[in-house]
């Protein structure tokens, strides 16, 4: 039997409406400036972009939360944004996406993380990042930890989305791990280098290939089940899910099952946000009762849909169902 068949996919997605997800992590605002390039600047050897449009979208943990609600589940988000114009825009976008923003702490001393991308003819020319990467101040970290403990009791799944922007301090990580253990709910972690080895006992640990190689300081071997089992044990997670870009995914489970999922993307427009989509889909699927292999396969379909879209965008159940019908083997 394939990890996910069309009938099973319909059942998992139909169950999403009863799933409550708590996402904790670094929230960002993604801005896109689009235009055309027809000449080089006389002032410097750089292209001149004639702007034709601008838009903003939820990024980071905000994008994971938006993907959760797009899949039909309910979601609360815990994190930090600044008391600035960008923070106001983020809060409005969260509400518009159906994400519960009552766990978002705001402060005037730390700006909202903003990534601004300039694109011409569908190619990114430059990106500007406005951010502070240092850990949150102790008082803010305590506030966020309290939010995690308060909301975890009413959650079916916990998600940690780390972008090394300072929200996931040791105190916040401990709060998430303790809450997951206390309430017996699965926890999915999308890590970054700073806290890579700080999540023993989590249900699903989901690095990408580069993150895993950097953390281990060695080449990775996702097709080798013995190597994957060694790494899973070293990380202390129940299930290790490694995303491999255009090579698909590799899963090593607590029962020593090794599942290799090939990429399903037939066309790739933009890979931005694909990892967030995978995290959200795995969380919703596990909450709905999927096995780790089923959750990974469903997320593989979701990612294949997301990369066909420009920029960071969400994926709907109808799009996933349609994709599964076209590619029923995975």
C-alpha atoms as a PDB file:
ATOM      1  CA  UNK A   1       0.000   0.000   0.000  1.00  0.00           C
ATOM      2  CA  UNK A   2       1.240   3.492  -0.815  1.00  0.00           C
ATOM      3  CA  UNK A   3       1.818   5.846   2.156  1.00  0.00           C
ATOM      4  CA  UNK A   4      -1.238   7.892   1.133  1.00  0.00           C
ATOM      5  CA  UNK A   5      -4.069   6.924  -1.199  1.00  0.00           C
ATOM      6  CA  UNK A   6      -6.796   9.297  -2.451  1.00  0.00           C
ATOM      7  CA  UNK A   7      -9.464   7.960  -0.106  1.00  0.00           C
ATOM      8  CA  UNK A   8      -7.226   8.220   2.939  1.00  0.00           C
ATOM      9  CA  UNK A   9      -6.217  11.755   1.970  1.00  0.00           C
ATOM     10  CA  UNK A  10      -9.844  12.822   1.811  1.00  0.00           C
ATOM     11  CA  UNK A  11     -10.434  11.395   5.251  1.00  0.00           C
ATOM     12  CA  UNK A  12      -7.413  13.103   6.807  1.00  0.00           C
ATOM     13  CA  UNK A  13      -8.273  16.480   5.309  1.00  0.00           C
ATOM     14  CA  UNK A  14     -11.935  16.130   6.260  1.00  0.00           C
ATOM     15  CA  UNK A  15     -10.797  15.616   9.871  1.00  0.00           C
ATOM     16  CA  UNK A  16      -8.797  18.853   9.863  1.00  0.00           C
ATOM     17  CA  UNK A  17     -11.742  20.934  11.071  1.00  0.00           C
ATOM     18  CA  UNK A  18     -11.520  19.361  14.526  1.00  0.00           C
ATOM     19  CA  UNK A  19      -7.733  19.790  14.876  1.00  0.00           C
ATOM     20  CA  UNK A  20      -6.340  22.576  17.065  1.00  0.00           C
ATOM     21  CA  UNK A  21      -2.731  23.544  16.352  1.00  0.00           C
ATOM     22  CA  UNK A  22      -0.446  25.763  18.412  1.00  0.00           C
ATOM     23  CA  UNK A  23       2.458  27.282  16.459  1.00  0.00           C
ATOM     24  CA  UNK A  24       5.369  28.836  18.359  1.00  0.00           C
ATOM     25  CA  UNK A  25       8.219  30.655  16.679  1.00  0.00           C
ATOM     26  CA  UNK A  26       9.638  33.532  14.683  1.00  0.00           C
ATOM     27  CA  UNK A  27       6.981  35.591  12.910  1.00  0.00           C
ATOM     28  CA  UNK A  28       7.930  37.615   9.836  1.00  0.00           C
ATOM     29  CA  UNK A  29       6.401  39.906   7.271  1.00  0.00           C
ATOM     30  CA  UNK A  30       7.326  39.017   3.689  1.00  0.00           C
ATOM     31  CA  UNK A  31       7.156  41.930   1.261  1.00  0.00           C
ATOM     32  CA  UNK A  32       7.336  41.573  -2.515  1.00  0.00           C
ATOM     33  CA  UNK A  33       8.140  44.424  -4.894  1.00  0.00           C
ATOM     34  CA  UNK A  34       7.648  43.397  -8.514  1.00  0.00           C
ATOM     35  CA  UNK A  35       8.540  45.216 -11.714  1.00  0.00           C
ATOM     36  CA  UNK A  36      10.434  45.127 -14.975  1.00  0.00           C
ATOM     37  CA  UNK A  37      14.068  45.807 -15.846  1.00  0.00           C
ATOM     38  CA  UNK A  38      14.772  47.540 -19.128  1.00  0.00           C
ATOM     39  CA  UNK A  39      18.057  49.319 -18.468  1.00  0.00           C
ATOM     40  CA  UNK A  40      21.104  49.566 -16.237  1.00  0.00           C
ATOM     41  CA  UNK A  41      21.471  52.503 -13.918  1.00  0.00           C
ATOM     42  CA  UNK A  42      23.859  55.274 -15.090  1.00  0.00           C
ATOM     43  CA  UNK A  43      24.839  55.744 -11.447  1.00  0.00           C
ATOM     44  CA  UNK A  44      26.149  52.212 -10.830  1.00  0.00           C
ATOM     45  CA  UNK A  45      26.244  48.849 -12.660  1.00  0.00           C
ATOM     46  CA  UNK A  46      22.879  47.733 -11.246  1.00  0.00           C
ATOM     47  CA  UNK A  47      19.485  47.131 -12.870  1.00  0.00           C
ATOM     48  CA  UNK A  48      16.786  49.765 -12.645  1.00  0.00           C
ATOM     49  CA  UNK A  49      13.498  48.180 -11.594  1.00  0.00           C
ATOM     50  CA  UNK A  50      10.355  49.967 -12.714  1.00  0.00           C
ATOM     51  CA  UNK A  51       7.924  48.989  -9.977  1.00  0.00           C
ATOM     52  CA  UNK A  52       4.567  47.617 -11.107  1.00  0.00           C
ATOM     53  CA  UNK A  53       3.244  46.113  -7.891  1.00  0.00           C
ATOM     54  CA  UNK A  54       3.751  45.444  -4.200  1.00  0.00           C
ATOM     55  CA  UNK A  55       2.249  42.954  -1.788  1.00  0.00           C
ATOM     56  CA  UNK A  56       2.851  41.600   1.701  1.00  0.00           C
ATOM     57  CA  UNK A  57       2.362  38.117   3.159  1.00  0.00           C
ATOM     58  CA  UNK A  58       2.783  36.243   6.409  1.00  0.00           C
ATOM     59  CA  UNK A  59       6.223  34.698   6.749  1.00  0.00           C
ATOM     60  CA  UNK A  60       8.030  32.331   9.077  1.00  0.00           C
ATOM     61  CA  UNK A  61       5.846  30.951  11.849  1.00  0.00           C
ATOM     62  CA  UNK A  62       3.049  33.180  10.554  1.00  0.00           C
ATOM     63  CA  UNK A  63       3.118  31.358   7.229  1.00  0.00           C
ATOM     64  CA  UNK A  64       2.997  27.979   8.980  1.00  0.00           C
ATOM     65  CA  UNK A  65      -0.047  29.166  10.943  1.00  0.00           C
ATOM     66  CA  UNK A  66      -1.718  30.472   7.780  1.00  0.00           C
ATOM     67  CA  UNK A  67      -1.115  27.124   6.077  1.00  0.00           C
ATOM     68  CA  UNK A  68      -2.675  25.323   9.045  1.00  0.00           C
ATOM     69  CA  UNK A  69      -5.884  27.354   8.769  1.00  0.00           C
ATOM     70  CA  UNK A  70      -5.885  27.034   4.967  1.00  0.00           C
ATOM     71  CA  UNK A  71      -5.963  23.260   5.475  1.00  0.00           C
ATOM     72  CA  UNK A  72      -9.088  23.670   7.583  1.00  0.00           C
ATOM     73  CA  UNK A  73      -7.695  23.348  11.109  1.00  0.00           C
ATOM     74  CA  UNK A  74      -7.811  26.025  13.797  1.00  0.00           C
ATOM     75  CA  UNK A  75      -4.577  27.646  14.871  1.00  0.00           C
ATOM     76  CA  UNK A  76      -3.154  29.865  17.563  1.00  0.00           C
ATOM     77  CA  UNK A  77       0.184  31.576  17.077  1.00  0.00           C
ATOM     78  CA  UNK A  78       2.675  32.478  19.806  1.00  0.00           C
ATOM     79  CA  UNK A  79       5.584  34.765  19.027  1.00  0.00           C
ATOM     80  CA  UNK A  80       6.717  38.390  18.912  1.00  0.00           C
ATOM     81  CA  UNK A  81       6.223  41.381  16.619  1.00  0.00           C
ATOM     82  CA  UNK A  82       7.185  44.981  17.150  1.00  0.00           C
ATOM     83  CA  UNK A  83       4.946  47.903  17.971  1.00  0.00           C
ATOM     84  CA  UNK A  84       5.459  49.330  14.506  1.00  0.00           C
ATOM     85  CA  UNK A  85       3.641  49.678  11.198  1.00  0.00           C
ATOM     86  CA  UNK A  86       4.884  46.277  10.052  1.00  0.00           C
ATOM     87  CA  UNK A  87       3.647  44.689  13.257  1.00  0.00           C
ATOM     88  CA  UNK A  88       0.232  46.247  12.700  1.00  0.00           C
ATOM     89  CA  UNK A  89       0.177  44.789   9.180  1.00  0.00           C
ATOM     90  CA  UNK A  90       1.118  41.366  10.505  1.00  0.00           C
ATOM     91  CA  UNK A  91      -1.622  41.375  13.121  1.00  0.00           C
ATOM     92  CA  UNK A  92      -4.212  42.307  10.491  1.00  0.00           C
ATOM     93  CA  UNK A  93      -2.929  39.582   8.176  1.00  0.00           C
ATOM     94  CA  UNK A  94      -3.141  36.972  10.935  1.00  0.00           C
ATOM     95  CA  UNK A  95      -6.734  37.890  11.682  1.00  0.00           C
ATOM     96  CA  UNK A  96      -7.595  37.830   7.963  1.00  0.00           C
ATOM     97  CA  UNK A  97      -6.087  34.334   7.712  1.00  0.00           C
ATOM     98  CA  UNK A  98      -8.160  33.066  10.606  1.00  0.00           C
ATOM     99  CA  UNK A  99      -5.159  32.634  12.891  1.00  0.00           C
ATOM    100  CA  UNK A 100      -5.642  33.364  16.584  1.00  0.00           C
ATOM    101  CA  UNK A 101      -3.206  36.220  17.348  1.00  0.00           C
ATOM    102  CA  UNK A 102      -3.820  36.453  21.095  1.00  0.00           C
ATOM    103  CA  UNK A 103      -0.492  34.759  21.818  1.00  0.00           C
ATOM    104  CA  UNK A 104       1.548  37.335  19.898  1.00  0.00           C
ATOM    105  CA  UNK A 105       3.538  39.555  22.270  1.00  0.00           C
ATOM    106  CA  UNK A 106       4.390  43.062  21.079  1.00  0.00           C
ATOM    107  CA  UNK A 107       7.128  45.423  22.239  1.00  0.00           C
ATOM    108  CA  UNK A 108       8.511  48.783  21.193  1.00  0.00           C
ATOM    109  CA  UNK A 109      12.178  47.930  21.729  1.00  0.00           C
ATOM    110  CA  UNK A 110      12.461  45.273  19.046  1.00  0.00           C
ATOM    111  CA  UNK A 111      11.307  45.725  15.426  1.00  0.00           C
ATOM    112  CA  UNK A 112       9.158  43.334  13.462  1.00  0.00           C
ATOM    113  CA  UNK A 113      11.216  41.034  11.257  1.00  0.00           C
ATOM    114  CA  UNK A 114      10.661  42.038   7.611  1.00  0.00           C
ATOM    115  CA  UNK A 115      12.054  40.457   4.468  1.00  0.00           C
ATOM    116  CA  UNK A 116      11.628  42.547   1.332  1.00  0.00           C
ATOM    117  CA  UNK A 117      12.213  40.847  -2.010  1.00  0.00           C
ATOM    118  CA  UNK A 118      12.576  42.715  -5.301  1.00  0.00           C
ATOM    119  CA  UNK A 119      11.618  40.673  -8.351  1.00  0.00           C
ATOM    120  CA  UNK A 120      11.730  41.337 -12.079  1.00  0.00           C
ATOM    121  CA  UNK A 121      10.557  38.880 -14.722  1.00  0.00           C
ATOM    122  CA  UNK A 122       9.920  36.391 -11.909  1.00  0.00           C
ATOM    123  CA  UNK A 123      13.568  36.504 -10.822  1.00  0.00           C
ATOM    124  CA  UNK A 124      14.653  37.772  -7.418  1.00  0.00           C
ATOM    125  CA  UNK A 125      17.147  40.590  -7.828  1.00  0.00           C
ATOM    126  CA  UNK A 126      17.844  41.461  -4.211  1.00  0.00           C
ATOM    127  CA  UNK A 127      16.425  40.909  -0.722  1.00  0.00           C
ATOM    128  CA  UNK A 128      16.491  43.334   2.191  1.00  0.00           C
ATOM    129  CA  UNK A 129      16.222  41.953   5.749  1.00  0.00           C
ATOM    130  CA  UNK A 130      15.215  44.057   8.713  1.00  0.00           C
ATOM    131  CA  UNK A 131      15.686  41.977  11.847  1.00  0.00           C
ATOM    132  CA  UNK A 132      17.220  41.474  15.262  1.00  0.00           C
ATOM    133  CA  UNK A 133      18.650  37.976  15.756  1.00  0.00           C
ATOM    134  CA  UNK A 134      19.596  38.108  19.431  1.00  0.00           C
ATOM    135  CA  UNK A 135      17.464  36.182  21.913  1.00  0.00           C
ATOM    136  CA  UNK A 136      14.425  37.957  23.304  1.00  0.00           C
ATOM    137  CA  UNK A 137      14.825  39.776  26.578  1.00  0.00           C
ATOM    138  CA  UNK A 138      14.029  37.621  29.623  1.00  0.00           C
ATOM    139  CA  UNK A 139      10.745  39.411  30.326  1.00  0.00           C
ATOM    140  CA  UNK A 140       9.464  38.843  26.786  1.00  0.00           C
ATOM    141  CA  UNK A 141      10.608  35.213  26.862  1.00  0.00           C
ATOM    142  CA  UNK A 142       8.710  34.704  30.120  1.00  0.00           C
ATOM    143  CA  UNK A 143       5.568  36.186  28.578  1.00  0.00           C
ATOM    144  CA  UNK A 144       5.832  33.877  25.586  1.00  0.00           C
ATOM    145  CA  UNK A 145       6.508  30.844  27.777  1.00  0.00           C
ATOM    146  CA  UNK A 146       3.377  31.650  29.761  1.00  0.00           C
ATOM    147  CA  UNK A 147       1.352  31.854  26.541  1.00  0.00           C
ATOM    148  CA  UNK A 148       2.668  28.442  25.484  1.00  0.00           C
ATOM    149  CA  UNK A 149       1.661  26.831  28.755  1.00  0.00           C
ATOM    150  CA  UNK A 150      -1.753  28.497  28.737  1.00  0.00           C
ATOM    151  CA  UNK A 151      -2.626  27.491  25.149  1.00  0.00           C
ATOM    152  CA  UNK A 152      -1.064  24.015  25.014  1.00  0.00           C
ATOM    153  CA  UNK A 153      -3.813  22.481  27.143  1.00  0.00           C
ATOM    154  CA  UNK A 154      -6.362  23.290  24.422  1.00  0.00           C
ATOM    155  CA  UNK A 155      -4.181  22.091  21.522  1.00  0.00           C
ATOM    156  CA  UNK A 156      -3.952  18.786  19.664  1.00  0.00           C
ATOM    157  CA  UNK A 157      -0.572  19.468  18.059  1.00  0.00           C
ATOM    158  CA  UNK A 158       2.374  21.744  18.895  1.00  0.00           C
ATOM    159  CA  UNK A 159       4.645  23.201  16.207  1.00  0.00           C
ATOM    160  CA  UNK A 160       7.992  24.917  16.701  1.00  0.00           C
ATOM    161  CA  UNK A 161       9.115  27.053  13.762  1.00  0.00           C
ATOM    162  CA  UNK A 162      12.638  28.390  14.269  1.00  0.00           C
ATOM    163  CA  UNK A 163      14.280  30.980  12.025  1.00  0.00           C
ATOM    164  CA  UNK A 164      16.997  32.046  14.476  1.00  0.00           C
ATOM    165  CA  UNK A 165      15.292  35.408  15.097  1.00  0.00           C
ATOM    166  CA  UNK A 166      15.406  35.133  18.892  1.00  0.00           C
ATOM    167  CA  UNK A 167      11.954  33.914  19.951  1.00  0.00           C
ATOM    168  CA  UNK A 168      13.020  30.365  20.727  1.00  0.00           C
ATOM    169  CA  UNK A 169      15.134  30.994  23.791  1.00  0.00           C
ATOM    170  CA  UNK A 170      16.029  28.056  26.090  1.00  0.00           C
ATOM    171  CA  UNK A 171      13.142  29.045  28.380  1.00  0.00           C
ATOM    172  CA  UNK A 172      10.611  29.056  25.523  1.00  0.00           C
ATOM    173  CA  UNK A 173      11.895  25.735  24.163  1.00  0.00           C
ATOM    174  CA  UNK A 174      11.614  24.175  27.626  1.00  0.00           C
ATOM    175  CA  UNK A 175       8.050  25.474  27.916  1.00  0.00           C
ATOM    176  CA  UNK A 176       7.087  23.836  24.616  1.00  0.00           C
ATOM    177  CA  UNK A 177       8.716  20.492  25.447  1.00  0.00           C
ATOM    178  CA  UNK A 178       7.211  20.425  28.936  1.00  0.00           C
ATOM    179  CA  UNK A 179       3.753  21.316  27.605  1.00  0.00           C
ATOM    180  CA  UNK A 180       3.872  18.636  24.930  1.00  0.00           C
ATOM    181  CA  UNK A 181       4.888  16.021  27.454  1.00  0.00           C
ATOM    182  CA  UNK A 182       2.360  17.136  30.077  1.00  0.00           C
ATOM    183  CA  UNK A 183      -0.579  17.046  27.671  1.00  0.00           C
ATOM    184  CA  UNK A 184       0.548  14.077  25.591  1.00  0.00           C
ATOM    185  CA  UNK A 185       0.296  15.846  22.242  1.00  0.00           C
ATOM    186  CA  UNK A 186       2.658  15.481  19.269  1.00  0.00           C
ATOM    187  CA  UNK A 187       5.277  18.159  18.699  1.00  0.00           C
ATOM    188  CA  UNK A 188       6.790  18.984  15.306  1.00  0.00           C
ATOM    189  CA  UNK A 189      10.021  20.999  15.135  1.00  0.00           C
ATOM    190  CA  UNK A 190      11.373  22.820  12.088  1.00  0.00           C
ATOM    191  CA  UNK A 191      14.853  23.720  13.399  1.00  0.00           C
ATOM    192  CA  UNK A 192      17.652  26.126  12.663  1.00  0.00           C
ATOM    193  CA  UNK A 193      21.296  25.806  13.587  1.00  0.00           C
ATOM    194  CA  UNK A 194      21.374  27.706  16.892  1.00  0.00           C
ATOM    195  CA  UNK A 195      19.047  25.355  18.776  1.00  0.00           C
ATOM    196  CA  UNK A 196      19.424  22.288  16.586  1.00  0.00           C
ATOM    197  CA  UNK A 197      20.145  19.794  19.365  1.00  0.00           C
ATOM    198  CA  UNK A 198      17.745  21.300  21.919  1.00  0.00           C
ATOM    199  CA  UNK A 199      14.670  19.164  21.182  1.00  0.00           C
ATOM    200  CA  UNK A 200      15.068  15.634  22.588  1.00  0.00           C
ATOM    201  CA  UNK A 201      11.857  13.650  22.677  1.00  0.00           C
ATOM    202  CA  UNK A 202       9.930  15.589  20.023  1.00  0.00           C
ATOM    203  CA  UNK A 203       7.579  13.651  17.777  1.00  0.00           C
ATOM    204  CA  UNK A 204       8.868  14.846  14.390  1.00  0.00           C
ATOM    205  CA  UNK A 205      12.145  16.663  13.797  1.00  0.00           C
ATOM    206  CA  UNK A 206      12.115  18.204  10.313  1.00  0.00           C
ATOM    207  CA  UNK A 207      15.403  19.762   9.117  1.00  0.00           C
ATOM    208  CA  UNK A 208      16.256  20.351   5.499  1.00  0.00           C
ATOM    209  CA  UNK A 209      19.332  18.793   3.947  1.00  0.00           C
ATOM    210  CA  UNK A 210      21.587  21.815   4.344  1.00  0.00           C
ATOM    211  CA  UNK A 211      20.576  22.413   7.961  1.00  0.00           C
ATOM    212  CA  UNK A 212      21.247  18.790   8.859  1.00  0.00           C
ATOM    213  CA  UNK A 213      24.629  18.744   7.110  1.00  0.00           C
ATOM    214  CA  UNK A 214      25.672  22.000   8.793  1.00  0.00           C
ATOM    215  CA  UNK A 215      24.616  20.776  12.238  1.00  0.00           C
ATOM    216  CA  UNK A 216      26.399  17.440  11.892  1.00  0.00           C
ATOM    217  CA  UNK A 217      29.420  18.913  10.144  1.00  0.00           C
ATOM    218  CA  UNK A 218      29.347  16.057   7.639  1.00  0.00           C
ATOM    219  CA  UNK A 219      27.758  14.839   4.435  1.00  0.00           C
ATOM    220  CA  UNK A 220      24.306  13.380   4.848  1.00  0.00           C
ATOM    221  CA  UNK A 221      23.075   9.999   3.580  1.00  0.00           C
ATOM    222  CA  UNK A 222      19.267  10.129   3.502  1.00  0.00           C
ATOM    223  CA  UNK A 223      18.995   6.952   1.401  1.00  0.00           C
ATOM    224  CA  UNK A 224      20.907   4.926   4.012  1.00  0.00           C
ATOM    225  CA  UNK A 225      18.440   3.677   6.629  1.00  0.00           C
ATOM    226  CA  UNK A 226      21.211   2.758   9.080  1.00  0.00           C
ATOM    227  CA  UNK A 227      22.643   6.277   8.869  1.00  0.00           C
ATOM    228  CA  UNK A 228      19.205   7.840   9.254  1.00  0.00           C
ATOM    229  CA  UNK A 229      18.584   5.681  12.332  1.00  0.00           C
ATOM    230  CA  UNK A 230      21.922   6.771  13.807  1.00  0.00           C
ATOM    231  CA  UNK A 231      21.038  10.442  13.301  1.00  0.00           C
ATOM    232  CA  UNK A 232      17.533   9.940  14.679  1.00  0.00           C
ATOM    233  CA  UNK A 233      19.046   8.454  17.819  1.00  0.00           C
ATOM    234  CA  UNK A 234      21.593  11.239  18.121  1.00  0.00           C
ATOM    235  CA  UNK A 235      18.859  13.875  17.905  1.00  0.00           C
ATOM    236  CA  UNK A 236      16.623  11.985  20.328  1.00  0.00           C
ATOM    237  CA  UNK A 237      13.467  12.464  18.241  1.00  0.00           C
ATOM    238  CA  UNK A 238      10.774   9.901  17.589  1.00  0.00           C
ATOM    239  CA  UNK A 239      10.687  10.455  13.841  1.00  0.00           C
ATOM    240  CA  UNK A 240      13.233  12.192  11.611  1.00  0.00           C
ATOM    241  CA  UNK A 241      11.894  13.812   8.433  1.00  0.00           C
ATOM    242  CA  UNK A 242      14.539  15.355   6.172  1.00  0.00           C
ATOM    243  CA  UNK A 243      13.383  17.544   3.281  1.00  0.00           C
ATOM    244  CA  UNK A 244      15.685  17.261   0.273  1.00  0.00           C
ATOM    245  CA  UNK A 245      14.516  19.972  -2.117  1.00  0.00           C
ATOM    246  CA  UNK A 246      14.148  18.591  -5.623  1.00  0.00           C
ATOM    247  CA  UNK A 247      15.078  15.145  -4.299  1.00  0.00           C
ATOM    248  CA  UNK A 248      11.932  14.788  -2.186  1.00  0.00           C
ATOM    249  CA  UNK A 249      12.003  13.662   1.462  1.00  0.00           C
ATOM    250  CA  UNK A 250      13.428  10.931   3.670  1.00  0.00           C
ATOM    251  CA  UNK A 251      11.685   9.654   6.796  1.00  0.00           C
ATOM    252  CA  UNK A 252      13.089   7.482   9.575  1.00  0.00           C
ATOM    253  CA  UNK A 253      10.519   6.416  12.161  1.00  0.00           C
ATOM    254  CA  UNK A 254      10.712   5.261  15.761  1.00  0.00           C
ATOM    255  CA  UNK A 255       9.971   1.735  14.549  1.00  0.00           C
ATOM    256  CA  UNK A 256      13.053   1.882  12.270  1.00  0.00           C
ATOM    257  CA  UNK A 257      10.926   2.202   9.135  1.00  0.00           C
ATOM    258  CA  UNK A 258      12.726   4.060   6.357  1.00  0.00           C
ATOM    259  CA  UNK A 259      10.526   5.804   3.793  1.00  0.00           C
ATOM    260  CA  UNK A 260      11.950   7.587   0.766  1.00  0.00           C
ATOM    261  CA  UNK A 261       9.508   9.936  -0.954  1.00  0.00           C
ATOM    262  CA  UNK A 262      10.496  11.265  -4.386  1.00  0.00           C
ATOM    263  CA  UNK A 263       9.735  14.820  -5.361  1.00  0.00           C
ATOM    264  CA  UNK A 264       6.270  15.228  -6.855  1.00  0.00           C
ATOM    265  CA  UNK A 265       6.711  18.721  -8.268  1.00  0.00           C
ATOM    266  CA  UNK A 266       6.138  18.688 -12.021  1.00  0.00           C
ATOM    267  CA  UNK A 267       6.956  22.390 -12.349  1.00  0.00           C
ATOM    268  CA  UNK A 268       8.701  24.711  -9.916  1.00  0.00           C
ATOM    269  CA  UNK A 269       7.899  28.400  -9.964  1.00  0.00           C
ATOM    270  CA  UNK A 270       9.179  29.438  -6.515  1.00  0.00           C
ATOM    271  CA  UNK A 271      10.371  27.301  -3.582  1.00  0.00           C
ATOM    272  CA  UNK A 272       9.766  30.079  -1.028  1.00  0.00           C
ATOM    273  CA  UNK A 273       7.598  28.830   1.815  1.00  0.00           C
ATOM    274  CA  UNK A 274       7.595  25.169   0.782  1.00  0.00           C
ATOM    275  CA  UNK A 275       9.169  24.107   4.077  1.00  0.00           C
ATOM    276  CA  UNK A 276       6.472  25.962   6.023  1.00  0.00           C
ATOM    277  CA  UNK A 277       3.793  24.181   3.991  1.00  0.00           C
ATOM    278  CA  UNK A 278       5.368  20.801   4.797  1.00  0.00           C
ATOM    279  CA  UNK A 279       5.464  21.592   8.517  1.00  0.00           C
ATOM    280  CA  UNK A 280       1.820  22.654   8.565  1.00  0.00           C
ATOM    281  CA  UNK A 281       0.660  19.625   6.589  1.00  0.00           C
ATOM    282  CA  UNK A 282       2.556  17.199   8.830  1.00  0.00           C
ATOM    283  CA  UNK A 283       1.061  18.833  11.924  1.00  0.00           C
ATOM    284  CA  UNK A 284      -2.523  18.697  10.662  1.00  0.00           C
ATOM    285  CA  UNK A 285      -2.144  15.136   9.382  1.00  0.00           C
ATOM    286  CA  UNK A 286      -0.703  13.844  12.663  1.00  0.00           C
ATOM    287  CA  UNK A 287      -3.469  15.595  14.563  1.00  0.00           C
ATOM    288  CA  UNK A 288      -5.989  13.845  12.311  1.00  0.00           C
ATOM    289  CA  UNK A 289      -4.532  10.446  13.143  1.00  0.00           C
ATOM    290  CA  UNK A 290      -2.117   9.883  10.258  1.00  0.00           C
ATOM    291  CA  UNK A 291       0.912   7.659  10.646  1.00  0.00           C
ATOM    292  CA  UNK A 292       4.296   9.394  10.234  1.00  0.00           C
ATOM    293  CA  UNK A 293       4.586   7.963   6.693  1.00  0.00           C
ATOM    294  CA  UNK A 294       1.097   9.152   5.773  1.00  0.00           C
ATOM    295  CA  UNK A 295       1.784  12.611   7.206  1.00  0.00           C
ATOM    296  CA  UNK A 296       5.042  12.890   5.255  1.00  0.00           C
ATOM    297  CA  UNK A 297       3.407  11.754   2.015  1.00  0.00           C
ATOM    298  CA  UNK A 298       0.524  14.182   2.413  1.00  0.00           C
ATOM    299  CA  UNK A 299       3.030  16.982   3.095  1.00  0.00           C
ATOM    300  CA  UNK A 300       4.951  15.952  -0.026  1.00  0.00           C
ATOM    301  CA  UNK A 301       1.818  16.519  -2.100  1.00  0.00           C
ATOM    302  CA  UNK A 302       1.201  19.871  -0.388  1.00  0.00           C
ATOM    303  CA  UNK A 303       4.755  21.021  -1.143  1.00  0.00           C
ATOM    304  CA  UNK A 304       4.420  20.000  -4.788  1.00  0.00           C
ATOM    305  CA  UNK A 305       1.411  22.297  -5.065  1.00  0.00           C
ATOM    306  CA  UNK A 306       3.027  25.197  -3.172  1.00  0.00           C
ATOM    307  CA  UNK A 307       6.136  25.432  -5.357  1.00  0.00           C
ATOM    308  CA  UNK A 308       3.981  26.060  -8.426  1.00  0.00           C
ATOM    309  CA  UNK A 309       2.930  29.404  -6.922  1.00  0.00           C
ATOM    310  CA  UNK A 310       4.779  32.722  -6.848  1.00  0.00           C
ATOM    311  CA  UNK A 311       6.157  33.711  -3.455  1.00  0.00           C
ATOM    312  CA  UNK A 312       5.008  32.447  -0.082  1.00  0.00           C
ATOM    313  CA  UNK A 313       1.454  31.156  -0.380  1.00  0.00           C
ATOM    314  CA  UNK A 314      -0.878  28.659   1.249  1.00  0.00           C
ATOM    315  CA  UNK A 315      -2.294  25.430  -0.159  1.00  0.00           C
ATOM    316  CA  UNK A 316      -5.936  24.337   0.034  1.00  0.00           C
ATOM    317  CA  UNK A 317      -7.346  20.843   0.700  1.00  0.00           C
ATOM    318  CA  UNK A 318      -8.929  20.870  -2.759  1.00  0.00           C
ATOM    319  CA  UNK A 319      -5.530  21.484  -4.388  1.00  0.00           C
ATOM    320  CA  UNK A 320      -3.937  18.650  -2.409  1.00  0.00           C
ATOM    321  CA  UNK A 321      -6.792  16.260  -3.193  1.00  0.00           C
ATOM    322  CA  UNK A 322      -6.513  17.071  -6.897  1.00  0.00           C
ATOM    323  CA  UNK A 323      -2.766  16.464  -6.807  1.00  0.00           C
ATOM    324  CA  UNK A 324      -3.169  13.125  -5.029  1.00  0.00           C
ATOM    325  CA  UNK A 325      -5.625  11.974  -7.691  1.00  0.00           C
ATOM    326  CA  UNK A 326      -3.119  12.806 -10.419  1.00  0.00           C
ATOM    327  CA  UNK A 327      -0.227  11.173  -8.494  1.00  0.00           C
ATOM    328  CA  UNK A 328      -1.931   8.443  -6.443  1.00  0.00           C
ATOM    329  CA  UNK A 329       1.222   6.340  -5.981  1.00  0.00           C
ATOM    330  CA  UNK A 330       2.592   8.757  -3.362  1.00  0.00           C
END
